[in-house]
Amino acid sequence: MEENSCKTGAVHKWQRHWLYHFLLVYSGWEHAEVVLGRESFSALATGLQNALWGLGAGPHEHRSDSLSAAFTNLAAEAKEDLTRRYERGALRPFPDLAGDA
């Protein structure tokens, strides 16, 4: 997810928004949508679902980062619940390594 600023509203004040951005590098097809709230499993799942719906197909495997920011300051039980939901969604976390694109 990316944080961007854009002008919104009638008075054109700058406001920060979080965006879910899905990109197929080879074809250049992409999908983006505003995330309500902050980085979370539900934001990832909703954004991915909407992107794949718009694409009309889905991959056998989806790679994402580990969403470590979404797990910060959660109780152990909440972390376990999110981990189970993440795994059930067939998502495979990978560390975000510089130069590993």
PDB file of N, CA and C in Angstrom:
ATOM      1  N   MET A   1       0.834  -1.158   0.000  1.00  0.00           N
ATOM      2  CA  MET A   1       0.000   0.000   0.000  1.00  0.00           C
ATOM      3  C   MET A   1       0.881   1.223   0.000  1.00  0.00           C
ATOM      4  N   GLU A   2       0.411   2.253  -0.629  1.00  0.00           N
ATOM      5  CA  GLU A   2       1.204   3.454  -0.766  1.00  0.00           C
ATOM      6  C   GLU A   2       0.475   4.632  -0.134  1.00  0.00           C
ATOM      7  N   GLU A   3       1.231   5.543   0.431  1.00  0.00           N
ATOM      8  CA  GLU A   3       0.646   6.752   0.987  1.00  0.00           C
ATOM      9  C   GLU A   3       0.917   7.882   0.006  1.00  0.00           C
ATOM     10  N   ASN A   4      -0.130   8.534  -0.447  1.00  0.00           N
ATOM     11  CA  ASN A   4      -0.007   9.642  -1.391  1.00  0.00           C
ATOM     12  C   ASN A   4      -0.857  10.806  -0.918  1.00  0.00           C
ATOM     13  N   SER A   5      -0.534  11.975  -1.395  1.00  0.00           N
ATOM     14  CA  SER A   5      -1.342  13.155  -1.107  1.00  0.00           C
ATOM     15  C   SER A   5      -2.041  13.584  -2.386  1.00  0.00           C
ATOM     16  N   CYS A   6      -3.260  14.029  -2.250  1.00  0.00           N
ATOM     17  CA  CYS A   6      -3.970  14.558  -3.407  1.00  0.00           C
ATOM     18  C   CYS A   6      -4.984  15.585  -2.913  1.00  0.00           C
ATOM     19  N   LYS A   7      -5.386  16.474  -3.820  1.00  0.00           N
ATOM     20  CA  LYS A   7      -6.368  17.488  -3.452  1.00  0.00           C
ATOM     21  C   LYS A   7      -7.755  16.857  -3.463  1.00  0.00           C
ATOM     22  N   THR A   8      -8.492  17.045  -2.371  1.00  0.00           N
ATOM     23  CA  THR A   8      -9.850  16.525  -2.293  1.00  0.00           C
ATOM     24  C   THR A   8     -10.760  17.586  -1.701  1.00  0.00           C
ATOM     25  N   GLY A   9     -12.040  17.458  -1.964  1.00  0.00           N
ATOM     26  CA  GLY A   9     -13.018  18.370  -1.381  1.00  0.00           C
ATOM     27  C   GLY A   9     -13.137  19.668  -2.161  1.00  0.00           C
ATOM     28  N   ALA A  10     -14.127  20.465  -1.778  1.00  0.00           N
ATOM     29  CA  ALA A  10     -14.420  21.702  -2.491  1.00  0.00           C
ATOM     30  C   ALA A  10     -13.370  22.778  -2.257  1.00  0.00           C
ATOM     31  N   VAL A  11     -12.687  22.739  -1.117  1.00  0.00           N
ATOM     32  CA  VAL A  11     -11.712  23.786  -0.810  1.00  0.00           C
ATOM     33  C   VAL A  11     -10.294  23.388  -1.209  1.00  0.00           C
ATOM     34  N   HIS A  12     -10.115  22.220  -1.771  1.00  0.00           N
ATOM     35  CA  HIS A  12      -8.821  21.746  -2.278  1.00  0.00           C
ATOM     36  C   HIS A  12      -7.720  21.780  -1.230  1.00  0.00           C
ATOM     37  N   LYS A  13      -8.001  21.243  -0.064  1.00  0.00           N
ATOM     38  CA  LYS A  13      -6.967  21.090   0.955  1.00  0.00           C
ATOM     39  C   LYS A  13      -6.231  19.781   0.699  1.00  0.00           C
ATOM     40  N   TRP A  14      -4.933  19.780   0.975  1.00  0.00           N
ATOM     41  CA  TRP A  14      -4.151  18.552   0.833  1.00  0.00           C
ATOM     42  C   TRP A  14      -4.489  17.611   1.980  1.00  0.00           C
ATOM     43  N   GLN A  15      -4.795  16.387   1.642  1.00  0.00           N
ATOM     44  CA  GLN A  15      -5.069  15.364   2.645  1.00  0.00           C
ATOM     45  C   GLN A  15      -4.297  14.104   2.273  1.00  0.00           C
ATOM     46  N   ARG A  16      -3.817  13.407   3.281  1.00  0.00           N
ATOM     47  CA  ARG A  16      -3.096  12.156   3.024  1.00  0.00           C
ATOM     48  C   ARG A  16      -4.081  10.997   2.923  1.00  0.00           C
ATOM     49  N   HIS A  17      -3.823  10.128   1.961  1.00  0.00           N
ATOM     50  CA  HIS A  17      -4.640   8.935   1.761  1.00  0.00           C
ATOM     51  C   HIS A  17      -3.723   7.731   1.598  1.00  0.00           C
ATOM     52  N   TRP A  18      -4.162   6.577   2.057  1.00  0.00           N
ATOM     53  CA  TRP A  18      -3.467   5.326   1.805  1.00  0.00           C
ATOM     54  C   TRP A  18      -4.125   4.688   0.598  1.00  0.00           C
ATOM     55  N   LEU A  19      -3.308   4.191  -0.327  1.00  0.00           N
ATOM     56  CA  LEU A  19      -3.814   3.546  -1.530  1.00  0.00           C
ATOM     57  C   LEU A  19      -3.373   2.089  -1.575  1.00  0.00           C
ATOM     58  N   TYR A  20      -4.274   1.223  -2.032  1.00  0.00           N
ATOM     59  CA  TYR A  20      -3.904  -0.136  -2.386  1.00  0.00           C
ATOM     60  C   TYR A  20      -3.579  -0.081  -3.866  1.00  0.00           C
ATOM     61  N   HIS A  21      -2.410  -0.568  -4.261  1.00  0.00           N
ATOM     62  CA  HIS A  21      -1.985  -0.524  -5.659  1.00  0.00           C
ATOM     63  C   HIS A  21      -1.592  -1.925  -6.104  1.00  0.00           C
ATOM     64  N   PHE A  22      -2.257  -2.423  -7.139  1.00  0.00           N
ATOM     65  CA  PHE A  22      -2.002  -3.744  -7.714  1.00  0.00           C
ATOM     66  C   PHE A  22      -1.472  -3.521  -9.114  1.00  0.00           C
ATOM     67  N   LEU A  23      -0.343  -4.130  -9.450  1.00  0.00           N
ATOM     68  CA  LEU A  23       0.289  -3.903 -10.750  1.00  0.00           C
ATOM     69  C   LEU A  23       0.784  -5.208 -11.334  1.00  0.00           C
ATOM     70  N   LEU A  24       0.435  -5.449 -12.592  1.00  0.00           N
ATOM     71  CA  LEU A  24       1.027  -6.547 -13.350  1.00  0.00           C
ATOM     72  C   LEU A  24       2.112  -5.921 -14.216  1.00  0.00           C
ATOM     73  N   VAL A  25       3.348  -6.166 -13.867  1.00  0.00           N
ATOM     74  CA  VAL A  25       4.475  -5.465 -14.476  1.00  0.00           C
ATOM     75  C   VAL A  25       4.568  -5.725 -15.976  1.00  0.00           C
ATOM     76  N   TYR A  26       4.432  -6.965 -16.400  1.00  0.00           N
ATOM     77  CA  TYR A  26       4.627  -7.299 -17.807  1.00  0.00           C
ATOM     78  C   TYR A  26       3.600  -6.605 -18.706  1.00  0.00           C
ATOM     79  N   SER A  27       2.330  -6.660 -18.333  1.00  0.00           N
ATOM     80  CA  SER A  27       1.283  -6.072 -19.175  1.00  0.00           C
ATOM     81  C   SER A  27       1.040  -4.600 -18.875  1.00  0.00           C
ATOM     82  N   GLY A  28       1.431  -4.162 -17.681  1.00  0.00           N
ATOM     83  CA  GLY A  28       1.172  -2.779 -17.291  1.00  0.00           C
ATOM     84  C   GLY A  28      -0.227  -2.572 -16.729  1.00  0.00           C
ATOM     85  N   TRP A  29      -1.013  -3.649 -16.588  1.00  0.00           N
ATOM     86  CA  TRP A  29      -2.364  -3.521 -16.036  1.00  0.00           C
ATOM     87  C   TRP A  29      -2.255  -3.190 -14.561  1.00  0.00           C
ATOM     88  N   GLU A  30      -3.062  -2.233 -14.107  1.00  0.00           N
ATOM     89  CA  GLU A  30      -3.012  -1.877 -12.696  1.00  0.00           C
ATOM     90  C   GLU A  30      -4.374  -1.483 -12.162  1.00  0.00           C
ATOM     91  N   HIS A  31      -4.474  -1.564 -10.860  1.00  0.00           N
ATOM     92  CA  HIS A  31      -5.689  -1.201 -10.131  1.00  0.00           C
ATOM     93  C   HIS A  31      -5.244  -0.473  -8.866  1.00  0.00           C
ATOM     94  N   ALA A  32      -5.922   0.608  -8.533  1.00  0.00           N
ATOM     95  CA  ALA A  32      -5.631   1.331  -7.290  1.00  0.00           C
ATOM     96  C   ALA A  32      -6.946   1.765  -6.664  1.00  0.00           C
ATOM     97  N   GLU A  33      -6.964   1.800  -5.347  1.00  0.00           N
ATOM     98  CA  GLU A  33      -8.151   2.282  -4.641  1.00  0.00           C
ATOM     99  C   GLU A  33      -7.737   2.852  -3.292  1.00  0.00           C
ATOM    100  N   VAL A  34      -8.523   3.793  -2.817  1.00  0.00           N
ATOM    101  CA  VAL A  34      -8.261   4.413  -1.518  1.00  0.00           C
ATOM    102  C   VAL A  34      -8.570   3.408  -0.417  1.00  0.00           C
ATOM    103  N   VAL A  35      -7.682   3.317   0.560  1.00  0.00           N
ATOM    104  CA  VAL A  35      -7.869   2.440   1.715  1.00  0.00           C
ATOM    105  C   VAL A  35      -8.481   3.259   2.837  1.00  0.00           C
ATOM    106  N   LEU A  36      -9.589   2.784   3.376  1.00  0.00           N
ATOM    107  CA  LEU A  36     -10.213   3.451   4.511  1.00  0.00           C
ATOM    108  C   LEU A  36      -9.532   2.945   5.769  1.00  0.00           C
ATOM    109  N   GLY A  37      -8.868   3.802   6.470  1.00  0.00           N
ATOM    110  CA  GLY A  37      -8.097   3.396   7.641  1.00  0.00           C
ATOM    111  C   GLY A  37      -6.627   3.296   7.283  1.00  0.00           C
ATOM    112  N   ARG A  38      -5.960   2.324   7.849  1.00  0.00           N
ATOM    113  CA  ARG A  38      -4.519   2.153   7.640  1.00  0.00           C
ATOM    114  C   ARG A  38      -4.236   0.765   7.067  1.00  0.00           C
ATOM    115  N   GLU A  39      -2.950   0.429   6.951  1.00  0.00           N
ATOM    116  CA  GLU A  39      -2.539  -0.871   6.442  1.00  0.00           C
ATOM    117  C   GLU A  39      -3.095  -1.969   7.343  1.00  0.00           C
ATOM    118  N   SER A  40      -3.788  -2.935   6.749  1.00  0.00           N
ATOM    119  CA  SER A  40      -4.387  -4.022   7.521  1.00  0.00           C
ATOM    120  C   SER A  40      -4.638  -5.214   6.607  1.00  0.00           C
ATOM    121  N   PHE A  41      -4.936  -6.347   7.223  1.00  0.00           N
ATOM    122  CA  PHE A  41      -5.273  -7.522   6.426  1.00  0.00           C
ATOM    123  C   PHE A  41      -6.534  -7.270   5.611  1.00  0.00           C
ATOM    124  N   SER A  42      -7.550  -6.674   6.222  1.00  0.00           N
ATOM    125  CA  SER A  42      -8.799  -6.459   5.490  1.00  0.00           C
ATOM    126  C   SER A  42      -8.601  -5.498   4.323  1.00  0.00           C
ATOM    127  N   ALA A  43      -7.721  -4.499   4.473  1.00  0.00           N
ATOM    128  CA  ALA A  43      -7.429  -3.596   3.353  1.00  0.00           C
ATOM    129  C   ALA A  43      -6.740  -4.360   2.225  1.00  0.00           C
ATOM    130  N   LEU A  44      -5.799  -5.244   2.577  1.00  0.00           N
ATOM    131  CA  LEU A  44      -5.113  -6.055   1.574  1.00  0.00           C
ATOM    132  C   LEU A  44      -6.091  -6.992   0.876  1.00  0.00           C
ATOM    133  N   ALA A  45      -6.910  -7.700   1.647  1.00  0.00           N
ATOM    134  CA  ALA A  45      -7.846  -8.665   1.073  1.00  0.00           C
ATOM    135  C   ALA A  45      -8.878  -7.982   0.179  1.00  0.00           C
ATOM    136  N   THR A  46      -9.409  -6.853   0.619  1.00  0.00           N
ATOM    137  CA  THR A  46     -10.401  -6.124  -0.176  1.00  0.00           C
ATOM    138  C   THR A  46      -9.788  -5.585  -1.457  1.00  0.00           C
ATOM    139  N   GLY A  47      -8.613  -4.965  -1.340  1.00  0.00           N
ATOM    140  CA  GLY A  47      -7.946  -4.428  -2.528  1.00  0.00           C
ATOM    141  C   GLY A  47      -7.616  -5.516  -3.530  1.00  0.00           C
ATOM    142  N   LEU A  48      -7.096  -6.643  -3.039  1.00  0.00           N
ATOM    143  CA  LEU A  48      -6.760  -7.764  -3.922  1.00  0.00           C
ATOM    144  C   LEU A  48      -8.012  -8.317  -4.589  1.00  0.00           C
ATOM    145  N   GLN A  49      -9.070  -8.513  -3.817  1.00  0.00           N
ATOM    146  CA  GLN A  49     -10.322  -9.029  -4.378  1.00  0.00           C
ATOM    147  C   GLN A  49     -10.849  -8.109  -5.469  1.00  0.00           C
ATOM    148  N   ASN A  50     -10.861  -6.808  -5.223  1.00  0.00           N
ATOM    149  CA  ASN A  50     -11.368  -5.861  -6.215  1.00  0.00           C
ATOM    150  C   ASN A  50     -10.488  -5.819  -7.459  1.00  0.00           C
ATOM    151  N   ALA A  51      -9.171  -5.906  -7.267  1.00  0.00           N
ATOM    152  CA  ALA A  51      -8.253  -5.906  -8.409  1.00  0.00           C
ATOM    153  C   ALA A  51      -8.463  -7.150  -9.270  1.00  0.00           C
ATOM    154  N   LEU A  52      -8.544  -8.314  -8.643  1.00  0.00           N
ATOM    155  CA  LEU A  52      -8.721  -9.555  -9.395  1.00  0.00           C
ATOM    156  C   LEU A  52     -10.088  -9.610 -10.060  1.00  0.00           C
ATOM    157  N   TRP A  53     -11.091  -9.049  -9.406  1.00  0.00           N
ATOM    158  CA  TRP A  53     -12.427  -8.974 -10.011  1.00  0.00           C
ATOM    159  C   TRP A  53     -12.365  -8.114 -11.273  1.00  0.00           C
ATOM    160  N   GLY A  54     -11.697  -6.970 -11.185  1.00  0.00           N
ATOM    161  CA  GLY A  54     -11.550  -6.101 -12.355  1.00  0.00           C
ATOM    162  C   GLY A  54     -10.727  -6.742 -13.458  1.00  0.00           C
ATOM    163  N   LEU A  55      -9.747  -7.521 -13.087  1.00  0.00           N
ATOM    164  CA  LEU A  55      -8.897  -8.216 -14.049  1.00  0.00           C
ATOM    165  C   LEU A  55      -9.641  -9.367 -14.718  1.00  0.00           C
ATOM    166  N   GLY A  56     -10.536  -9.983 -13.969  1.00  0.00           N
ATOM    167  CA  GLY A  56     -11.303 -11.099 -14.508  1.00  0.00           C
ATOM    168  C   GLY A  56     -10.601 -12.439 -14.374  1.00  0.00           C
ATOM    169  N   ALA A  57      -9.556 -12.493 -13.573  1.00  0.00           N
ATOM    170  CA  ALA A  57      -8.803 -13.735 -13.372  1.00  0.00           C
ATOM    171  C   ALA A  57      -8.011 -13.624 -12.081  1.00  0.00           C
ATOM    172  N   GLY A  58      -7.462 -14.744 -11.648  1.00  0.00           N
ATOM    173  CA  GLY A  58      -6.655 -14.727 -10.437  1.00  0.00           C
ATOM    174  C   GLY A  58      -5.451 -15.639 -10.573  1.00  0.00           C
ATOM    175  N   PRO A  59      -4.372 -15.325  -9.884  1.00  0.00           N
ATOM    176  CA  PRO A  59      -3.164 -16.153  -9.961  1.00  0.00           C
ATOM    177  C   PRO A  59      -3.276 -17.389  -9.063  1.00  0.00           C
ATOM    178  N   HIS A  60      -2.418 -18.352  -9.302  1.00  0.00           N
ATOM    179  CA  HIS A  60      -2.352 -19.520  -8.420  1.00  0.00           C
ATOM    180  C   HIS A  60      -1.713 -19.140  -7.094  1.00  0.00           C
ATOM    181  N   GLU A  61      -0.862 -18.129  -7.116  1.00  0.00           N
ATOM    182  CA  GLU A  61      -0.153 -17.688  -5.913  1.00  0.00           C
ATOM    183  C   GLU A  61      -0.048 -16.167  -5.936  1.00  0.00           C
ATOM    184  N   HIS A  62      -0.232 -15.556  -4.780  1.00  0.00           N
ATOM    185  CA  HIS A  62      -0.102 -14.104  -4.658  1.00  0.00           C
ATOM    186  C   HIS A  62       0.981 -13.813  -3.642  1.00  0.00           C
ATOM    187  N   ARG A  63       1.975 -13.026  -4.026  1.00  0.00           N
ATOM    188  CA  ARG A  63       3.047 -12.655  -3.102  1.00  0.00           C
ATOM    189  C   ARG A  63       2.803 -11.245  -2.587  1.00  0.00           C
ATOM    190  N   SER A  64       2.998 -11.081  -1.310  1.00  0.00           N
ATOM    191  CA  SER A  64       2.894  -9.754  -0.708  1.00  0.00           C
ATOM    192  C   SER A  64       3.971  -9.639   0.357  1.00  0.00           C
ATOM    193  N   ASP A  65       4.126  -8.443   0.902  1.00  0.00           N
ATOM    194  CA  ASP A  65       5.045  -8.329   2.032  1.00  0.00           C
ATOM    195  C   ASP A  65       4.365  -8.945   3.254  1.00  0.00           C
ATOM    196  N   SER A  66       5.044  -8.960   4.359  1.00  0.00           N
ATOM    197  CA  SER A  66       4.526  -9.657   5.540  1.00  0.00           C
ATOM    198  C   SER A  66       3.560  -8.830   6.374  1.00  0.00           C
ATOM    199  N   LEU A  67       3.258  -7.617   5.963  1.00  0.00           N
ATOM    200  CA  LEU A  67       2.328  -6.745   6.681  1.00  0.00           C
ATOM    201  C   LEU A  67       2.736  -6.524   8.129  1.00  0.00           C
ATOM    202  N   SER A  68       4.025  -6.445   8.382  1.00  0.00           N
ATOM    203  CA  SER A  68       4.491  -6.313   9.766  1.00  0.00           C
ATOM    204  C   SER A  68       3.932  -5.068  10.439  1.00  0.00           C
ATOM    205  N   ALA A  69       3.713  -3.992   9.686  1.00  0.00           N
ATOM    206  CA  ALA A  69       3.157  -2.774  10.280  1.00  0.00           C
ATOM    207  C   ALA A  69       1.738  -3.005  10.793  1.00  0.00           C
ATOM    208  N   ALA A  70       0.994  -3.871  10.123  1.00  0.00           N
ATOM    209  CA  ALA A  70      -0.383  -4.149  10.534  1.00  0.00           C
ATOM    210  C   ALA A  70      -0.438  -4.974  11.815  1.00  0.00           C
ATOM    211  N   PHE A  71       0.654  -5.652  12.166  1.00  0.00           N
ATOM    212  CA  PHE A  71       0.685  -6.512  13.339  1.00  0.00           C
ATOM    213  C   PHE A  71       1.273  -5.813  14.558  1.00  0.00           C
ATOM    214  N   THR A  72       1.782  -4.608  14.388  1.00  0.00           N
ATOM    215  CA  THR A  72       2.399  -3.880  15.491  1.00  0.00           C
ATOM    216  C   THR A  72       1.366  -3.565  16.565  1.00  0.00           C
ATOM    217  N   ASN A  73       1.737  -3.752  17.804  1.00  0.00           N
ATOM    218  CA  ASN A  73       0.908  -3.424  18.973  1.00  0.00           C
ATOM    219  C   ASN A  73      -0.382  -4.237  19.078  1.00  0.00           C
ATOM    220  N   LEU A  74      -0.415  -5.431  18.503  1.00  0.00           N
ATOM    221  CA  LEU A  74      -1.587  -6.294  18.647  1.00  0.00           C
ATOM    222  C   LEU A  74      -1.343  -7.308  19.758  1.00  0.00           C
ATOM    223  N   ALA A  75      -2.409  -7.702  20.412  1.00  0.00           N
ATOM    224  CA  ALA A  75      -2.315  -8.764  21.413  1.00  0.00           C
ATOM    225  C   ALA A  75      -1.997 -10.079  20.705  1.00  0.00           C
ATOM    226  N   ALA A  76      -1.432 -11.030  21.432  1.00  0.00           N
ATOM    227  CA  ALA A  76      -1.017 -12.309  20.843  1.00  0.00           C
ATOM    228  C   ALA A  76      -2.176 -13.016  20.141  1.00  0.00           C
ATOM    229  N   GLU A  77      -3.357 -13.006  20.751  1.00  0.00           N
ATOM    230  CA  GLU A  77      -4.520 -13.674  20.156  1.00  0.00           C
ATOM    231  C   GLU A  77      -4.915 -13.017  18.836  1.00  0.00           C
ATOM    232  N   ALA A  78      -4.878 -11.703  18.772  1.00  0.00           N
ATOM    233  CA  ALA A  78      -5.215 -10.984  17.541  1.00  0.00           C
ATOM    234  C   ALA A  78      -4.190 -11.280  16.446  1.00  0.00           C
ATOM    235  N   LYS A  79      -2.906 -11.365  16.819  1.00  0.00           N
ATOM    236  CA  LYS A  79      -1.864 -11.707  15.840  1.00  0.00           C
ATOM    237  C   LYS A  79      -2.101 -13.102  15.265  1.00  0.00           C
ATOM    238  N   GLU A  80      -2.443 -14.056  16.132  1.00  0.00           N
ATOM    239  CA  GLU A  80      -2.703 -15.421  15.673  1.00  0.00           C
ATOM    240  C   GLU A  80      -3.900 -15.467  14.735  1.00  0.00           C
ATOM    241  N   ASP A  81      -4.956 -14.713  15.053  1.00  0.00           N
ATOM    242  CA  ASP A  81      -6.145 -14.669  14.207  1.00  0.00           C
ATOM    243  C   ASP A  81      -5.799 -14.104  12.836  1.00  0.00           C
ATOM    244  N   LEU A  82      -5.062 -13.004  12.796  1.00  0.00           N
ATOM    245  CA  LEU A  82      -4.691 -12.409  11.512  1.00  0.00           C
ATOM    246  C   LEU A  82      -3.780 -13.337  10.713  1.00  0.00           C
ATOM    247  N   THR A  83      -2.887 -14.028  11.388  1.00  0.00           N
ATOM    248  CA  THR A  83      -2.002 -14.969  10.699  1.00  0.00           C
ATOM    249  C   THR A  83      -2.816 -16.088  10.055  1.00  0.00           C
ATOM    250  N   ARG A  84      -3.793 -16.623  10.774  1.00  0.00           N
ATOM    251  CA  ARG A  84      -4.655 -17.673  10.210  1.00  0.00           C
ATOM    252  C   ARG A  84      -5.431 -17.148   9.007  1.00  0.00           C
ATOM    253  N   ARG A  85      -5.999 -15.954   9.124  1.00  0.00           N
ATOM    254  CA  ARG A  85      -6.764 -15.377   8.019  1.00  0.00           C
ATOM    255  C   ARG A  85      -5.866 -15.132   6.811  1.00  0.00           C
ATOM    256  N   TYR A  86      -4.658 -14.678   7.055  1.00  0.00           N
ATOM    257  CA  TYR A  86      -3.688 -14.423   5.987  1.00  0.00           C
ATOM    258  C   TYR A  86      -3.377 -15.724   5.246  1.00  0.00           C
ATOM    259  N   GLU A  87      -3.125 -16.797   6.006  1.00  0.00           N
ATOM    260  CA  GLU A  87      -2.804 -18.086   5.395  1.00  0.00           C
ATOM    261  C   GLU A  87      -3.996 -18.676   4.650  1.00  0.00           C
ATOM    262  N   ARG A  88      -5.205 -18.518   5.190  1.00  0.00           N
ATOM    263  CA  ARG A  88      -6.406 -19.027   4.518  1.00  0.00           C
ATOM    264  C   ARG A  88      -6.655 -18.312   3.200  1.00  0.00           C
ATOM    265  N   GLY A  89      -6.201 -17.094   3.095  1.00  0.00           N
ATOM    266  CA  GLY A  89      -6.355 -16.342   1.857  1.00  0.00           C
ATOM    267  C   GLY A  89      -5.343 -16.740   0.804  1.00  0.00           C
ATOM    268  N   ALA A  90      -4.568 -17.794   1.081  1.00  0.00           N
ATOM    269  CA  ALA A  90      -3.545 -18.304   0.158  1.00  0.00           C
ATOM    270  C   ALA A  90      -2.501 -17.244  -0.160  1.00  0.00           C
ATOM    271  N   LEU A  91      -2.224 -16.382   0.796  1.00  0.00           N
ATOM    272  CA  LEU A  91      -1.207 -15.359   0.610  1.00  0.00           C
ATOM    273  C   LEU A  91       0.091 -15.854   1.214  1.00  0.00           C
ATOM    274  N   ARG A  92       1.174 -15.584   0.553  1.00  0.00           N
ATOM    275  CA  ARG A  92       2.476 -16.049   1.005  1.00  0.00           C
ATOM    276  C   ARG A  92       3.356 -14.843   1.276  1.00  0.00           C
ATOM    277  N   PRO A  93       3.681 -14.564   2.543  1.00  0.00           N
ATOM    278  CA  PRO A  93       4.491 -13.379   2.838  1.00  0.00           C
ATOM    279  C   PRO A  93       5.950 -13.564   2.445  1.00  0.00           C
ATOM    280  N   PHE A  94       6.542 -12.514   1.938  1.00  0.00           N
ATOM    281  CA  PHE A  94       7.956 -12.493   1.593  1.00  0.00           C
ATOM    282  C   PHE A  94       8.574 -11.248   2.197  1.00  0.00           C
ATOM    283  N   PRO A  95       9.795 -11.341   2.698  1.00  0.00           N
ATOM    284  CA  PRO A  95      10.448 -10.137   3.224  1.00  0.00           C
ATOM    285  C   PRO A  95      10.714  -9.154   2.094  1.00  0.00           C
ATOM    286  N   ASP A  96      10.600  -7.897   2.396  1.00  0.00           N
ATOM    287  CA  ASP A  96      10.849  -6.841   1.418  1.00  0.00           C
ATOM    288  C   ASP A  96      12.349  -6.561   1.405  1.00  0.00           C
ATOM    289  N   LEU A  97      13.056  -7.181   0.490  1.00  0.00           N
ATOM    290  CA  LEU A  97      14.504  -7.038   0.419  1.00  0.00           C
ATOM    291  C   LEU A  97      14.881  -6.059  -0.681  1.00  0.00           C
ATOM    292  N   ALA A  98      15.752  -5.134  -0.375  1.00  0.00           N
ATOM    293  CA  ALA A  98      16.199  -4.150  -1.363  1.00  0.00           C
ATOM    294  C   ALA A  98      16.843  -4.868  -2.543  1.00  0.00           C
ATOM    295  N   GLY A  99      16.447  -4.477  -3.746  1.00  0.00           N
ATOM    296  CA  GLY A  99      17.018  -5.049  -4.955  1.00  0.00           C
ATOM    297  C   GLY A  99      16.463  -6.403  -5.338  1.00  0.00           C
ATOM    298  N   ASP A 100      15.487  -6.902  -4.601  1.00  0.00           N
ATOM    299  CA  ASP A 100      14.905  -8.214  -4.885  1.00  0.00           C
ATOM    300  C   ASP A 100      13.545  -8.032  -5.533  1.00  0.00           C
ATOM    301  N   ALA A 101      13.539  -7.572  -6.769  1.00  0.00           N
ATOM    302  CA  ALA A 101      12.272  -7.306  -7.453  1.00  0.00           C
ATOM    303  C   ALA A 101      12.003  -8.330  -8.525  1.00  0.00           C
TER     304      ALA A 101
END
